[in-house]
Protein backbone atom coordinates (compact mmCIF):
# COMPACT_ATOMS: atom_id res chain seq x y z
CA MET A 1 41.48 -7.32 -28.78
CA SER A 2 42.55 -5.34 -25.69
CA SER A 3 40.11 -3.56 -23.36
CA ALA A 4 40.01 0.02 -21.88
CA ASN A 5 38.48 0.40 -18.54
CA TRP A 6 36.46 3.48 -17.99
CA HIS A 7 35.72 3.68 -14.29
CA TRP A 8 32.45 5.07 -13.19
CA LYS A 9 32.62 6.56 -9.54
CA GLN A 10 29.64 8.20 -7.95
CA LEU A 11 28.24 9.69 -4.70
CA ASP A 12 24.85 9.29 -3.21
CA CYS A 13 23.82 12.79 -2.34
CA SER A 14 20.23 12.33 -1.56
CA ASN A 15 20.78 13.66 2.20
CA PHE A 16 22.32 16.75 0.48
CA ALA A 17 19.17 17.28 -1.46
CA LYS A 18 16.72 17.28 1.47
CA GLU A 19 19.05 19.54 3.27
CA TYR A 20 19.43 21.97 0.26
CA PHE A 21 15.64 22.28 -0.62
CA LYS A 22 14.81 22.75 3.01
CA GLU A 23 17.40 25.50 3.51
CA LYS A 24 16.35 27.24 -0.01
CA LEU A 25 12.46 26.61 0.32
CA VAL A 26 11.59 26.89 3.89
CA GLY A 27 10.93 30.78 5.08
CA LEU A 28 10.83 31.99 1.70
CA LYS A 29 8.69 34.90 1.12
CA ILE A 30 7.58 35.77 -2.47
CA ASN A 31 6.57 39.46 -3.37
CA ASP A 32 5.47 39.82 0.37
CA GLU A 33 2.33 37.82 -0.62
CA LEU A 34 3.28 34.12 -0.24
CA THR A 35 5.58 32.36 2.28
CA ILE A 36 6.75 28.98 2.12
CA GLU A 37 6.27 27.43 5.58
CA GLU A 38 7.41 23.89 5.43
CA LEU A 39 8.88 20.99 3.31
CA LYS A 40 6.62 18.16 3.76
CA GLU A 41 8.40 15.59 1.93
CA CYS A 42 11.63 15.42 -0.43
CA ASP A 43 12.01 11.73 -1.46
CA GLY A 44 13.99 10.07 -4.23
CA ASP A 45 17.55 9.37 -5.33
CA VAL A 46 20.32 11.86 -6.35
CA THR A 47 23.64 10.69 -7.68
CA LEU A 48 26.61 12.53 -8.77
CA GLY A 49 29.10 10.54 -10.88
CA GLN A 50 31.97 10.83 -13.47
CA ARG A 51 32.25 8.82 -16.26
CA LYS A 52 35.61 9.22 -18.20
CA SER A 53 36.23 13.10 -17.46
CA LYS A 54 32.59 14.10 -17.52
CA LEU A 55 30.40 14.77 -14.57
CA VAL A 56 27.11 13.52 -14.76
CA THR A 57 24.23 14.37 -12.38
CA ILE A 58 21.24 11.90 -12.16
CA TYR A 59 18.29 12.61 -9.84
CA ASP A 60 14.63 12.01 -9.50
CA LEU A 61 12.63 13.55 -6.52
CA LYS A 62 9.31 14.09 -5.40
CA ILE A 63 8.86 17.50 -3.37
CA VAL A 64 6.03 18.73 -1.56
CA ILE A 65 5.71 22.14 0.44
CA GLU A 66 3.02 23.96 2.30
CA TRP A 67 2.63 27.69 1.87
CA THR A 68 0.45 30.50 3.41
CA VAL A 69 -1.05 33.64 1.59
CA GLY A 70 -2.58 35.88 4.45
CA GLU A 71 -5.21 33.46 5.78
CA LEU A 72 -5.00 30.79 3.00
CA ARG A 73 -2.79 27.87 3.56
CA GLY A 74 -2.09 25.67 0.33
CA ARG A 75 -0.06 22.55 -0.57
CA THR A 76 1.93 22.18 -3.61
CA HIS A 77 3.15 18.59 -5.03
CA VAL A 78 5.78 18.49 -7.55
CA PRO A 79 5.82 14.67 -8.46
CA GLU A 80 9.11 14.65 -10.49
CA VAL A 81 12.06 17.19 -10.05
CA SER A 82 14.48 15.27 -12.29
CA HIS A 83 17.64 15.85 -14.48
CA GLU A 84 15.41 15.07 -17.44
CA ALA A 85 13.75 18.69 -16.89
CA ILE A 86 17.21 20.33 -17.00
CA ASP A 87 18.04 18.12 -20.25
CA GLY A 88 14.72 19.25 -21.92
CA LEU A 89 13.30 15.76 -22.08
CA ASP A 90 10.75 16.56 -19.24
CA GLU A 91 8.71 19.41 -17.69
CA TYR A 92 7.85 20.05 -14.12
CA VAL A 93 4.27 19.49 -13.14
CA PHE A 94 3.04 21.74 -10.12
CA ASP A 95 -0.07 20.48 -8.55
CA SER A 96 -1.45 23.08 -6.00
CA SER A 97 -4.46 22.56 -3.79
CA ILE A 98 -6.13 24.77 -0.74
CA LEU A 99 -5.60 23.07 2.63
CA ASN A 100 -7.62 25.86 4.79
CA GLY A 101 -9.27 29.06 4.00
CA LYS A 102 -11.41 30.07 0.57
CA PRO A 103 -9.69 30.86 -2.64
CA ASP A 104 -9.92 34.29 -3.88
CA GLY A 105 -9.06 35.95 -7.01
CA LYS A 106 -5.39 35.59 -6.25
CA PHE A 107 -5.16 31.80 -5.94
CA ASP A 108 -5.02 31.17 -9.75
CA HIS A 109 -2.32 33.67 -9.88
CA ILE A 110 -0.28 32.13 -7.27
CA ARG A 111 -0.97 28.52 -8.57
CA ASN A 112 -0.26 29.26 -12.11
CA GLN A 113 2.48 31.64 -11.96
CA VAL A 114 4.24 32.57 -8.66
CA ILE A 115 4.71 29.04 -7.40
CA PRO A 116 5.92 27.50 -10.76
CA GLN A 117 8.13 30.46 -11.70
CA THR A 118 9.67 30.42 -8.09
CA LEU A 119 9.95 26.75 -7.54
CA LYS A 120 11.53 26.05 -11.11
CA SER A 121 14.46 28.60 -10.56
CA ILE A 122 15.57 26.90 -7.53
CA PHE A 123 15.10 23.43 -9.06
CA ASP A 124 17.18 24.48 -12.23
CA GLN A 125 19.80 25.79 -9.76
CA PHE A 126 19.98 22.51 -7.75
CA PRO A 127 22.33 20.37 -10.22
CA VAL A 128 24.63 23.51 -10.59
CA ASP A 129 25.21 23.92 -7.05
CA LEU A 130 25.52 19.98 -6.44
CA ARG A 131 28.43 19.92 -8.94
CA GLU A 132 30.13 22.67 -7.48
CA LYS A 133 30.02 21.06 -3.68
CA TYR A 134 30.79 17.51 -4.79
CA ALA A 135 32.72 17.41 -8.09
CA SER A 136 36.06 17.08 -6.45
CA HIS A 137 34.79 13.98 -4.46
CA VAL A 138 33.95 11.95 -7.63
CA GLN A 139 36.54 13.32 -10.21
CA VAL A 140 38.96 10.43 -11.41
CA SER A 141 42.46 11.44 -13.11
CA SER A 142 42.47 11.04 -16.73
CA GLN A 143 46.07 9.83 -16.23
CA SER A 144 45.47 6.98 -13.95
CA THR A 145 45.71 3.81 -15.48
CA THR A 146 44.58 1.74 -12.61
CA PRO A 147 41.47 1.90 -10.84
CA SER A 148 41.56 4.80 -8.35
CA GLN A 149 40.81 4.42 -4.60
CA PRO A 150 37.47 5.92 -3.61
CA SER A 151 37.97 9.15 -1.77
CA THR A 152 36.35 9.94 1.47
CA PRO A 153 32.78 11.35 0.91
CA ALA A 154 31.51 14.59 2.25
CA PRO A 155 29.52 14.03 5.38
CA GLU A 156 26.21 14.31 3.70
CA ALA A 157 26.96 11.88 0.99
CA SER A 158 28.03 8.30 0.95
CA ALA A 159 29.96 6.06 -1.70
CA VAL A 160 27.27 3.99 -3.71
CA LYS A 161 28.60 0.31 -4.18
CA LYS A 162 28.13 -0.14 -7.87
CA THR A 163 30.64 -0.90 -10.78
CA GLU A 164 30.61 -0.50 -14.14
CA LYS A 165 33.04 -1.64 -16.99
CA VAL A 166 33.05 -0.93 -20.75
CA GLU A 167 35.06 -3.19 -22.73
CA VAL A 168 35.83 -1.54 -26.17
CA PRO A 169 38.00 -2.83 -29.22
CA LYS A 170 41.45 -1.58 -29.72
CA LYS A 171 40.67 -0.26 -32.89
CA PRO A 172 36.96 0.68 -33.30
CA VAL A 173 37.26 1.09 -37.06
CA ALA A 174 33.75 1.11 -38.59
CA GLN A 175 33.06 -1.82 -41.12
CA LYS A 176 30.20 -1.85 -43.67
CA GLY A 177 27.27 -3.57 -42.26
CA SER A 178 28.49 -3.89 -38.79
CA LEU A 179 28.82 -1.80 -35.57
CA ASN A 180 31.87 -1.63 -33.30
CA THR A 181 30.21 -2.16 -29.70
CA SER A 182 30.86 -2.16 -26.32
CA THR A 183 29.53 -3.68 -22.86
CA ILE A 184 28.17 -2.03 -19.95
CA LYS A 185 27.68 -3.89 -16.41
CA LEU A 186 25.89 -2.56 -13.51
CA GLU A 187 25.25 -4.25 -10.18
CA GLU A 188 22.93 -3.37 -7.20
CA ARG A 189 21.86 -5.29 -4.36
CA TYR A 190 18.17 -5.26 -3.49
CA GLN A 191 16.48 -6.21 0.08
CA ILE A 192 14.12 -8.70 -1.73
CA SER A 193 14.22 -12.45 -2.43
CA ALA A 194 15.38 -13.40 -5.86
CA SER A 195 12.14 -15.15 -6.59
CA GLU A 196 10.32 -11.73 -5.93
CA LEU A 197 12.58 -9.63 -7.72
CA PHE A 198 12.39 -12.17 -10.80
CA ASP A 199 8.59 -11.59 -10.76
CA VAL A 200 8.77 -7.80 -10.57
CA LEU A 201 11.04 -7.98 -13.74
CA THR A 202 9.02 -10.33 -15.53
CA ASN A 203 5.12 -10.24 -14.67
CA LYS A 204 3.59 -7.77 -16.80
CA GLN A 205 1.23 -6.90 -14.21
CA ARG A 206 4.06 -5.74 -11.77
CA VAL A 207 6.41 -4.34 -13.88
CA PRO A 208 4.62 -0.93 -14.31
CA MET A 209 5.49 -0.64 -10.43
CA TRP A 210 8.93 0.64 -11.69
CA THR A 211 8.57 1.63 -15.28
CA ARG A 212 5.37 3.67 -14.55
CA ALA A 213 3.94 2.61 -18.06
CA PRO A 214 2.11 -0.23 -19.19
CA ALA A 215 4.41 -3.26 -20.20
CA GLU A 216 4.47 -6.20 -22.42
CA ILE A 217 6.82 -9.27 -21.05
CA GLU A 218 6.59 -12.84 -19.79
CA PRO A 219 9.38 -14.98 -18.70
CA LYS A 220 9.71 -17.46 -21.75
CA VAL A 221 11.79 -17.64 -24.88
CA GLY A 222 10.25 -15.75 -27.79
CA ALA A 223 7.97 -13.51 -25.60
CA ASN A 224 7.77 -10.00 -27.03
CA VAL A 225 9.22 -7.31 -24.68
CA VAL A 226 7.88 -3.73 -24.77
CA LEU A 227 8.95 -1.41 -22.07
CA PHE A 228 8.78 2.35 -21.05
CA GLY A 229 5.91 3.26 -23.21
CA GLY A 230 7.56 1.41 -26.32
CA GLY A 231 10.93 3.04 -25.53
CA VAL A 232 12.61 -0.30 -25.24
CA ARG A 233 11.60 -3.28 -27.50
CA GLY A 234 12.76 -6.65 -27.92
CA LYS A 235 12.30 -10.63 -27.27
CA VAL A 236 13.13 -12.77 -24.59
CA THR A 237 15.94 -15.08 -25.52
CA ASP A 238 16.92 -17.01 -22.33
CA VAL A 239 15.14 -17.71 -19.32
CA GLU A 240 15.98 -19.36 -16.11
CA ALA A 241 13.24 -19.10 -13.52
CA GLU A 242 14.30 -16.82 -10.34
CA LYS A 243 17.96 -16.49 -11.70
CA LYS A 244 18.30 -14.88 -15.02
CA ILE A 245 16.43 -13.35 -18.00
CA THR A 246 18.13 -12.20 -21.39
CA MET A 247 16.43 -10.16 -24.01
CA ASP A 248 17.17 -8.45 -27.34
CA TRP A 249 17.30 -4.96 -26.48
CA THR A 250 16.52 -2.02 -28.93
CA LEU A 251 16.03 1.80 -28.10
CA THR A 252 13.43 3.40 -30.30
CA GLY A 253 14.33 6.90 -31.75
CA GLY A 254 17.13 9.07 -30.46
CA LYS A 255 20.67 8.35 -31.46
CA TRP A 256 20.17 4.61 -31.47
CA PRO A 257 20.99 2.98 -34.93
CA GLU A 258 17.65 1.90 -36.58
CA GLY A 259 17.35 -1.84 -36.54
CA HIS A 260 20.42 -2.41 -34.27
CA LYS A 261 19.89 -5.07 -31.45
CA ALA A 262 21.79 -5.08 -28.06
CA SER A 263 21.42 -7.96 -25.73
CA LEU A 264 20.44 -7.35 -21.76
CA THR A 265 21.01 -10.13 -19.21
CA ILE A 266 19.77 -9.73 -15.85
CA ASP A 267 21.64 -12.16 -13.38
CA LEU A 268 20.20 -12.50 -9.81
CA ASN A 269 21.99 -14.14 -6.87
CA GLN A 270 20.29 -14.52 -3.64
CA SER A 271 22.08 -14.31 -0.42
CA ASP A 272 20.79 -14.73 3.23
CA ASP A 273 19.25 -11.28 3.45
CA SER A 274 19.18 -10.00 -0.15
CA THR A 275 19.63 -10.36 -3.73
CA ALA A 276 22.42 -8.90 -6.21
CA ALA A 277 20.97 -8.04 -9.54
CA GLU A 278 23.69 -7.74 -12.21
CA PHE A 279 22.58 -5.99 -15.39
CA ILE A 280 24.83 -6.76 -18.24
CA LEU A 281 24.05 -4.87 -21.80
CA ASN A 282 26.13 -6.12 -24.74
CA GLY A 283 26.21 -4.59 -28.10
CA VAL A 284 25.96 -0.87 -27.10
CA PRO A 285 27.45 0.90 -30.14
CA ILE A 286 30.79 2.74 -29.33
CA GLY A 287 29.95 6.53 -28.50
CA LEU A 288 26.40 5.82 -26.90
CA GLU A 289 27.95 4.71 -23.87
CA ASP A 290 27.66 8.00 -22.07
CA ASP A 291 23.88 7.99 -22.88
CA VAL A 292 22.92 4.38 -22.40
CA GLN A 293 24.63 3.99 -18.94
CA PRO A 294 22.88 6.68 -17.06
CA SER A 295 19.49 5.50 -18.74
CA LEU A 296 19.89 1.90 -17.15
CA GLU A 297 20.85 3.79 -13.76
CA GLN A 298 17.80 6.00 -14.28
CA TYR A 299 15.19 3.69 -15.45
CA TYR A 300 16.28 0.26 -14.16
CA ILE A 301 18.37 0.43 -10.97
CA LYS A 302 17.14 3.32 -9.29
CA PRO A 303 13.19 2.72 -9.83
CA LEU A 304 13.81 -0.94 -8.14
CA LYS A 305 15.80 0.90 -5.35
CA LEU A 306 13.05 2.98 -4.48
CA LEU A 307 10.68 -0.18 -4.41
CA PHE A 308 12.79 -2.29 -2.08
CA GLY A 309 15.93 -0.47 -0.82
CA THR A 310 19.36 -1.43 -1.34
CA VAL A 311 22.25 -2.95 0.70
CA LEU A 312 25.08 -0.77 1.05
């Protein structure tokens, strides 16, 4: 068996996002009736990467703006500006409220139509402009047979220290009753102790901090695992306290083959000031790597990064 290495190269474009939305939103006048006065918050992660020859945009932002209409001043909170909205997997939520003044008959129109329509068009354009600006910084030649050297990032974006390797069989010929599979490996370093990170990953009272949904899990062999509202299910198969946990890993729905089990191992290695976490997913059906790898980034690595920060 031989292996082919598909190199995942990516940029952290979070700073670009803040400047982008500040430029697009602040001072914007809509129909001579509403002016966006301030971008109060633009928090989250934005990553542009290339896997094989395909550009992949992954982002999850919280945006808060303040606006005026005559004597009325209001605020709109958009809790999740995400690539999932572009992909049709989620919808934007616009929460508008009055800060100063008394709402009149126009407020409902502004809250329900003017603001959502205006912001949605800007949000939808964001990934297009992001790819146009930074595509050349992450593209890797398909003719290269050795890992390419990272290019110098643009001023607003910095290279993210993560690696990912997929190993595939030389002849992925389907056999009756079996699947040809690959392995995805991701690594991130968090500013937290190994014991604390292990608890956040295995304590069902704390897991919702990063999954945003109730969880079923405990650090003992045979324990059931239910994460992301049932989107991931399995059983714990191996545990080494504060160092490692391995579990069966099955996606429900979508393209994932019914009944197929992968195996996710999370290895923790603590140093003086941080902990390296390696996510190793064995048994990914060949052909689904492009779907599963960004999902691991989005649902595991990035939420933990938001909680604890990373070491570059």
